[in-house]
Amino acid sequence: MIGSRTLRTTLTALPLAGALGLSLAAPASAEPPGIPDPATAQAELGELTVAPEGSMDGYDREKFPHWSNGADNCNTRESVLKRDGEGVEVGSDCYPTAGSWYSPYDGDTWSQASDVDIDHVVPLAAAWRSGAAEWTQEQREAFANDLEGPQLIAVTDNVNQEKGDQTPDEWMPSLTDYHCTYASMWIGTKHEYDLTVTEAEKTALQDALGTC
């Protein structure tokens, strides 16, 4: 029996040419701003403090208020959907009514915004364990809604859910060609917010930069 997610993938993510066995290059996807180039990411990785993960005591997603409304009547999720999609049209409430979204984590393309999640590249819980537990609520809200750095990206919803709050030593995108970019985004975000990394996390990031 084909599940609803499998059926939707077949209908909306598989181009006809692919079904016929033709080779197509992956569609271009918008990228978050501020991704450091590999050399900068390497330097920033070396500047991160290595420390054991902190406790999850006291953690709650509500301590990272997210999808805040902007001056343009769009919340953060809607702003990323507009930024990362192609041919995006929105209604008066700023929610997309048309468009397509290519997910660089797994290579699928979606035509419904409901099939797309906005991934916090450094998950909120991972940030909590690496320094954000000491932040103010205002600082955590800024982190969770950061549209100026490489912290938010539109990806396939169940891929984002599979990732959860795992760090790069536990989870990386299935598309290995994206490991360099993913590691650079992760490092850039942790460096910007002065978050720590574990030894295993740093090793995984170093390995990913080795693919650049």
C-alpha atoms as a PDB file:
ATOM      1  CA  MET A   1       0.000   0.000   0.000  1.00  0.00           C
ATOM      2  CA  ILE A   2       1.325   3.441  -0.914  1.00  0.00           C
ATOM      3  CA  GLY A   3       1.184   5.963   1.917  1.00  0.00           C
ATOM      4  CA  SER A   4      -0.110   9.490   1.370  1.00  0.00           C
ATOM      5  CA  ARG A   5       3.397  10.989   1.680  1.00  0.00           C
ATOM      6  CA  THR A   6       4.774   8.532  -0.921  1.00  0.00           C
ATOM      7  CA  LEU A   7       1.885   9.260  -3.260  1.00  0.00           C
ATOM      8  CA  ARG A   8       2.305  13.009  -2.867  1.00  0.00           C
ATOM      9  CA  THR A   9       6.032  12.676  -3.529  1.00  0.00           C
ATOM     10  CA  THR A  10       5.330  10.749  -6.705  1.00  0.00           C
ATOM     11  CA  LEU A  11       2.806  13.279  -7.931  1.00  0.00           C
ATOM     12  CA  THR A  12       4.477  16.540  -6.975  1.00  0.00           C
ATOM     13  CA  ALA A  13       8.188  15.885  -6.668  1.00  0.00           C
ATOM     14  CA  LEU A  14       9.002  13.589  -9.581  1.00  0.00           C
ATOM     15  CA  PRO A  15       9.357  15.358 -12.949  1.00  0.00           C
ATOM     16  CA  LEU A  16       8.049  13.556 -16.004  1.00  0.00           C
ATOM     17  CA  ALA A  17      11.538  13.508 -17.513  1.00  0.00           C
ATOM     18  CA  GLY A  18      12.835  11.744 -14.432  1.00  0.00           C
ATOM     19  CA  ALA A  19      10.079   9.153 -14.718  1.00  0.00           C
ATOM     20  CA  LEU A  20      11.229   8.524 -18.292  1.00  0.00           C
ATOM     21  CA  GLY A  21      14.793   7.981 -17.139  1.00  0.00           C
ATOM     22  CA  LEU A  22      16.184  11.257 -18.471  1.00  0.00           C
ATOM     23  CA  SER A  23      18.914  13.074 -16.572  1.00  0.00           C
ATOM     24  CA  LEU A  24      18.120  16.573 -15.352  1.00  0.00           C
ATOM     25  CA  ALA A  25      20.245  18.927 -13.275  1.00  0.00           C
ATOM     26  CA  ALA A  26      18.806  19.815  -9.899  1.00  0.00           C
ATOM     27  CA  PRO A  27      16.754  23.014 -10.035  1.00  0.00           C
ATOM     28  CA  ALA A  28      18.340  26.109  -8.614  1.00  0.00           C
ATOM     29  CA  SER A  29      17.212  26.953  -5.117  1.00  0.00           C
ATOM     30  CA  ALA A  30      17.316  30.195  -3.228  1.00  0.00           C
ATOM     31  CA  GLU A  31      19.787  30.179  -0.369  1.00  0.00           C
ATOM     32  CA  PRO A  32      19.685  31.956   2.971  1.00  0.00           C
ATOM     33  CA  PRO A  33      21.826  35.077   3.161  1.00  0.00           C
ATOM     34  CA  GLY A  34      25.178  35.217   4.885  1.00  0.00           C
ATOM     35  CA  ILE A  35      26.472  31.701   4.194  1.00  0.00           C
ATOM     36  CA  PRO A  36      30.243  31.878   4.773  1.00  0.00           C
ATOM     37  CA  ASP A  37      32.465  30.628   1.971  1.00  0.00           C
ATOM     38  CA  PRO A  38      34.380  27.418   2.793  1.00  0.00           C
ATOM     39  CA  ALA A  39      37.571  29.230   3.800  1.00  0.00           C
ATOM     40  CA  THR A  40      35.666  31.542   6.136  1.00  0.00           C
ATOM     41  CA  ALA A  41      33.670  28.622   7.538  1.00  0.00           C
ATOM     42  CA  GLN A  42      36.928  26.769   8.220  1.00  0.00           C
ATOM     43  CA  ALA A  43      38.320  29.763  10.079  1.00  0.00           C
ATOM     44  CA  GLU A  44      35.111  30.260  12.048  1.00  0.00           C
ATOM     45  CA  LEU A  45      34.988  26.574  12.982  1.00  0.00           C
ATOM     46  CA  GLY A  46      38.412  26.966  14.516  1.00  0.00           C
ATOM     47  CA  GLU A  47      37.152  29.867  16.617  1.00  0.00           C
ATOM     48  CA  LEU A  48      34.169  27.998  18.100  1.00  0.00           C
ATOM     49  CA  THR A  49      34.459  26.914  21.725  1.00  0.00           C
ATOM     50  CA  VAL A  50      34.446  23.139  22.145  1.00  0.00           C
ATOM     51  CA  ALA A  51      32.442  22.000  25.157  1.00  0.00           C
ATOM     52  CA  PRO A  52      30.152  19.141  26.188  1.00  0.00           C
ATOM     53  CA  GLU A  53      26.473  19.614  25.436  1.00  0.00           C
ATOM     54  CA  GLY A  54      24.480  21.287  28.149  1.00  0.00           C
ATOM     55  CA  SER A  55      21.326  20.013  29.772  1.00  0.00           C
ATOM     56  CA  MET A  56      17.812  20.139  28.314  1.00  0.00           C
ATOM     57  CA  ASP A  57      16.533  21.187  31.751  1.00  0.00           C
ATOM     58  CA  GLY A  58      14.076  24.037  31.396  1.00  0.00           C
ATOM     59  CA  TYR A  59      13.877  23.815  27.607  1.00  0.00           C
ATOM     60  CA  ASP A  60      10.609  24.687  25.891  1.00  0.00           C
ATOM     61  CA  ARG A  61      10.072  25.772  22.279  1.00  0.00           C
ATOM     62  CA  GLU A  62       7.883  28.546  23.634  1.00  0.00           C
ATOM     63  CA  LYS A  63      11.043  30.104  25.019  1.00  0.00           C
ATOM     64  CA  PHE A  64      12.033  30.743  21.382  1.00  0.00           C
ATOM     65  CA  PRO A  65       9.013  32.699  20.081  1.00  0.00           C
ATOM     66  CA  HIS A  66       9.023  32.151  16.339  1.00  0.00           C
ATOM     67  CA  TRP A  67       7.239  33.113  13.174  1.00  0.00           C
ATOM     68  CA  SER A  68       6.982  36.678  14.374  1.00  0.00           C
ATOM     69  CA  ASN A  69       5.147  39.195  12.211  1.00  0.00           C
ATOM     70  CA  GLY A  70       7.200  41.647  10.169  1.00  0.00           C
ATOM     71  CA  ALA A  71       6.418  45.144   8.992  1.00  0.00           C
ATOM     72  CA  ASP A  72       5.158  43.799   5.645  1.00  0.00           C
ATOM     73  CA  ASN A  73       2.335  41.796   7.292  1.00  0.00           C
ATOM     74  CA  CYS A  74       4.260  38.553   6.639  1.00  0.00           C
ATOM     75  CA  ASN A  75       5.429  36.344   9.458  1.00  0.00           C
ATOM     76  CA  THR A  76       8.877  34.783   9.386  1.00  0.00           C
ATOM     77  CA  ARG A  77       7.695  31.491   7.869  1.00  0.00           C
ATOM     78  CA  GLU A  78       5.890  33.308   5.068  1.00  0.00           C
ATOM     79  CA  SER A  79       8.923  35.496   4.409  1.00  0.00           C
ATOM     80  CA  VAL A  80      11.172  32.440   3.987  1.00  0.00           C
ATOM     81  CA  LEU A  81       8.614  30.759   1.717  1.00  0.00           C
ATOM     82  CA  LYS A  82       8.638  33.849  -0.506  1.00  0.00           C
ATOM     83  CA  ARG A  83      12.428  34.073  -0.448  1.00  0.00           C
ATOM     84  CA  ASP A  84      13.201  30.412  -1.102  1.00  0.00           C
ATOM     85  CA  GLY A  85      10.443  29.612  -3.587  1.00  0.00           C
ATOM     86  CA  GLU A  86      10.136  30.142  -7.325  1.00  0.00           C
ATOM     87  CA  GLY A  87       7.170  31.925  -8.867  1.00  0.00           C
ATOM     88  CA  VAL A  88       5.641  32.500  -5.439  1.00  0.00           C
ATOM     89  CA  GLU A  89       2.344  34.369  -5.321  1.00  0.00           C
ATOM     90  CA  VAL A  90       0.704  35.299  -2.050  1.00  0.00           C
ATOM     91  CA  GLY A  91      -2.736  36.338  -0.910  1.00  0.00           C
ATOM     92  CA  SER A  92      -3.688  39.368   1.139  1.00  0.00           C
ATOM     93  CA  ASP A  93      -2.687  37.444   4.273  1.00  0.00           C
ATOM     94  CA  CYS A  94       0.802  36.783   2.788  1.00  0.00           C
ATOM     95  CA  TYR A  95       0.263  33.009   2.645  1.00  0.00           C
ATOM     96  CA  PRO A  96       1.453  31.508  -0.675  1.00  0.00           C
ATOM     97  CA  THR A  97      -1.262  30.695  -3.192  1.00  0.00           C
ATOM     98  CA  ALA A  98       1.157  29.502  -5.892  1.00  0.00           C
ATOM     99  CA  GLY A  99       4.821  28.661  -6.339  1.00  0.00           C
ATOM    100  CA  SER A 100       7.295  25.822  -6.067  1.00  0.00           C
ATOM    101  CA  TRP A 101       9.966  24.990  -3.524  1.00  0.00           C
ATOM    102  CA  TYR A 102      13.110  22.951  -4.136  1.00  0.00           C
ATOM    103  CA  SER A 103      14.459  21.291  -0.992  1.00  0.00           C
ATOM    104  CA  PRO A 104      18.275  21.136  -1.135  1.00  0.00           C
ATOM    105  CA  TYR A 105      18.386  18.602   1.696  1.00  0.00           C
ATOM    106  CA  ASP A 106      16.768  15.813  -0.349  1.00  0.00           C
ATOM    107  CA  GLY A 107      16.324  17.144  -3.903  1.00  0.00           C
ATOM    108  CA  ASP A 108      12.522  17.137  -3.971  1.00  0.00           C
ATOM    109  CA  THR A 109      10.391  19.953  -5.355  1.00  0.00           C
ATOM    110  CA  TRP A 110       6.978  20.806  -3.922  1.00  0.00           C
ATOM    111  CA  SER A 111       4.099  22.854  -5.304  1.00  0.00           C
ATOM    112  CA  GLN A 112       2.170  23.182  -2.028  1.00  0.00           C
ATOM    113  CA  ALA A 113       3.488  25.322   0.801  1.00  0.00           C
ATOM    114  CA  SER A 114       1.978  22.830   3.241  1.00  0.00           C
ATOM    115  CA  ASP A 115       4.574  20.268   2.107  1.00  0.00           C
ATOM    116  CA  VAL A 116       7.401  22.589   3.171  1.00  0.00           C
ATOM    117  CA  ASP A 117       8.813  23.294   6.612  1.00  0.00           C
ATOM    118  CA  ILE A 118      11.108  26.124   7.581  1.00  0.00           C
ATOM    119  CA  ASP A 119      14.130  24.475   9.151  1.00  0.00           C
ATOM    120  CA  HIS A 120      16.081  26.136  11.907  1.00  0.00           C
ATOM    121  CA  VAL A 121      19.503  25.043  10.639  1.00  0.00           C
ATOM    122  CA  VAL A 122      20.760  25.003  14.212  1.00  0.00           C
ATOM    123  CA  PRO A 123      17.691  23.556  15.937  1.00  0.00           C
ATOM    124  CA  LEU A 124      16.238  25.464  18.849  1.00  0.00           C
ATOM    125  CA  ALA A 125      16.924  22.612  21.268  1.00  0.00           C
ATOM    126  CA  ALA A 126      20.493  22.253  19.993  1.00  0.00           C
ATOM    127  CA  ALA A 127      20.992  25.976  20.527  1.00  0.00           C
ATOM    128  CA  TRP A 128      19.619  25.634  24.057  1.00  0.00           C
ATOM    129  CA  ARG A 129      22.171  22.901  24.813  1.00  0.00           C
ATOM    130  CA  SER A 130      25.043  24.965  23.427  1.00  0.00           C
ATOM    131  CA  GLY A 131      24.487  28.311  25.095  1.00  0.00           C
ATOM    132  CA  ALA A 132      21.011  29.694  24.420  1.00  0.00           C
ATOM    133  CA  ALA A 133      19.746  28.541  27.807  1.00  0.00           C
ATOM    134  CA  GLU A 134      21.561  31.577  29.203  1.00  0.00           C
ATOM    135  CA  TRP A 135      19.990  34.049  26.765  1.00  0.00           C
ATOM    136  CA  THR A 136      17.107  36.387  27.354  1.00  0.00           C
ATOM    137  CA  GLN A 137      13.741  35.655  25.739  1.00  0.00           C
ATOM    138  CA  GLU A 138      14.354  38.567  23.370  1.00  0.00           C
ATOM    139  CA  GLN A 139      17.670  37.077  22.242  1.00  0.00           C
ATOM    140  CA  ARG A 140      16.047  33.683  21.655  1.00  0.00           C
ATOM    141  CA  GLU A 141      13.250  35.252  19.630  1.00  0.00           C
ATOM    142  CA  ALA A 142      15.811  37.041  17.426  1.00  0.00           C
ATOM    143  CA  PHE A 143      17.627  33.735  16.863  1.00  0.00           C
ATOM    144  CA  ALA A 144      14.425  31.868  15.985  1.00  0.00           C
ATOM    145  CA  ASN A 145      13.380  34.500  13.437  1.00  0.00           C
ATOM    146  CA  ASP A 146      16.753  35.419  11.926  1.00  0.00           C
ATOM    147  CA  LEU A 147      16.211  36.407   8.288  1.00  0.00           C
ATOM    148  CA  GLU A 148      19.627  38.034   7.921  1.00  0.00           C
ATOM    149  CA  GLY A 149      21.839  34.982   8.480  1.00  0.00           C
ATOM    150  CA  PRO A 150      21.903  31.381   7.238  1.00  0.00           C
ATOM    151  CA  GLN A 151      19.686  30.030  10.026  1.00  0.00           C
ATOM    152  CA  LEU A 152      16.350  29.502   8.203  1.00  0.00           C
ATOM    153  CA  ILE A 153      15.691  27.510   5.024  1.00  0.00           C
ATOM    154  CA  ALA A 154      12.651  25.975   3.315  1.00  0.00           C
ATOM    155  CA  VAL A 155      12.890  22.171   3.059  1.00  0.00           C
ATOM    156  CA  THR A 156      10.671  19.094   2.712  1.00  0.00           C
ATOM    157  CA  ASP A 157       8.542  18.843   5.843  1.00  0.00           C
ATOM    158  CA  ASN A 158       9.189  15.219   6.788  1.00  0.00           C
ATOM    159  CA  VAL A 159      12.933  15.665   6.217  1.00  0.00           C
ATOM    160  CA  ASN A 160      12.908  18.513   8.718  1.00  0.00           C
ATOM    161  CA  GLN A 161      10.942  16.336  11.137  1.00  0.00           C
ATOM    162  CA  GLU A 162      13.426  13.487  10.662  1.00  0.00           C
ATOM    163  CA  LYS A 163      16.279  15.857  11.497  1.00  0.00           C
ATOM    164  CA  GLY A 164      14.615  16.994  14.708  1.00  0.00           C
ATOM    165  CA  ASP A 165      17.155  18.566  17.044  1.00  0.00           C
ATOM    166  CA  GLN A 166      20.109  16.459  15.896  1.00  0.00           C
ATOM    167  CA  THR A 167      23.574  17.915  15.383  1.00  0.00           C
ATOM    168  CA  PRO A 168      25.774  17.216  12.307  1.00  0.00           C
ATOM    169  CA  ASP A 169      27.481  14.228  13.943  1.00  0.00           C
ATOM    170  CA  GLU A 170      24.010  12.647  14.162  1.00  0.00           C
ATOM    171  CA  TRP A 171      22.291  13.887  11.000  1.00  0.00           C
ATOM    172  CA  MET A 172      23.254  15.417   7.652  1.00  0.00           C
ATOM    173  CA  PRO A 173      21.180  16.050   4.494  1.00  0.00           C
ATOM    174  CA  SER A 174      20.745  12.972   2.308  1.00  0.00           C
ATOM    175  CA  LEU A 175      22.173  14.893  -0.656  1.00  0.00           C
ATOM    176  CA  THR A 176      25.908  14.650  -0.025  1.00  0.00           C
ATOM    177  CA  ASP A 177      26.558  17.469  -2.496  1.00  0.00           C
ATOM    178  CA  TYR A 178      24.901  19.794   0.029  1.00  0.00           C
ATOM    179  CA  HIS A 179      27.068  18.823   3.008  1.00  0.00           C
ATOM    180  CA  CYS A 180      29.550  21.639   2.386  1.00  0.00           C
ATOM    181  CA  THR A 181      26.824  24.284   2.299  1.00  0.00           C
ATOM    182  CA  TYR A 182      24.970  22.796   5.259  1.00  0.00           C
ATOM    183  CA  ALA A 183      28.110  22.722   7.384  1.00  0.00           C
ATOM    184  CA  SER A 184      28.925  26.297   6.384  1.00  0.00           C
ATOM    185  CA  MET A 185      25.431  27.454   7.375  1.00  0.00           C
ATOM    186  CA  TRP A 186      25.675  25.628  10.702  1.00  0.00           C
ATOM    187  CA  ILE A 187      29.109  27.050  11.471  1.00  0.00           C
ATOM    188  CA  GLY A 188      28.125  30.564  10.398  1.00  0.00           C
ATOM    189  CA  THR A 189      25.107  30.500  12.705  1.00  0.00           C
ATOM    190  CA  LYS A 190      26.955  29.087  15.708  1.00  0.00           C
ATOM    191  CA  HIS A 191      29.774  31.583  15.196  1.00  0.00           C
ATOM    192  CA  GLU A 192      27.393  34.535  14.915  1.00  0.00           C
ATOM    193  CA  TYR A 193      25.602  33.571  18.125  1.00  0.00           C
ATOM    194  CA  ASP A 194      28.692  32.395  20.031  1.00  0.00           C
ATOM    195  CA  LEU A 195      27.320  28.889  20.560  1.00  0.00           C
ATOM    196  CA  THR A 196      29.568  25.991  21.493  1.00  0.00           C
ATOM    197  CA  VAL A 197      30.214  22.720  19.628  1.00  0.00           C
ATOM    198  CA  THR A 198      31.040  19.246  20.905  1.00  0.00           C
ATOM    199  CA  GLU A 199      34.133  17.338  19.775  1.00  0.00           C
ATOM    200  CA  ALA A 200      31.993  14.956  17.698  1.00  0.00           C
ATOM    201  CA  GLU A 201      30.076  17.839  16.145  1.00  0.00           C
ATOM    202  CA  LYS A 202      33.276  19.673  15.235  1.00  0.00           C
ATOM    203  CA  THR A 203      34.712  16.537  13.620  1.00  0.00           C
ATOM    204  CA  ALA A 204      31.555  16.042  11.534  1.00  0.00           C
ATOM    205  CA  LEU A 205      31.636  19.681  10.425  1.00  0.00           C
ATOM    206  CA  GLN A 206      35.311  19.390   9.513  1.00  0.00           C
ATOM    207  CA  ASP A 207      34.554  16.281   7.453  1.00  0.00           C
ATOM    208  CA  ALA A 208      31.714  18.092   5.667  1.00  0.00           C
ATOM    209  CA  LEU A 209      33.960  21.043   4.840  1.00  0.00           C
ATOM    210  CA  GLY A 210      36.345  18.527   3.338  1.00  0.00           C
ATOM    211  CA  THR A 211      33.773  17.929   0.578  1.00  0.00           C
ATOM    212  CA  CYS A 212      33.765  21.569  -0.533  1.00  0.00           C
END
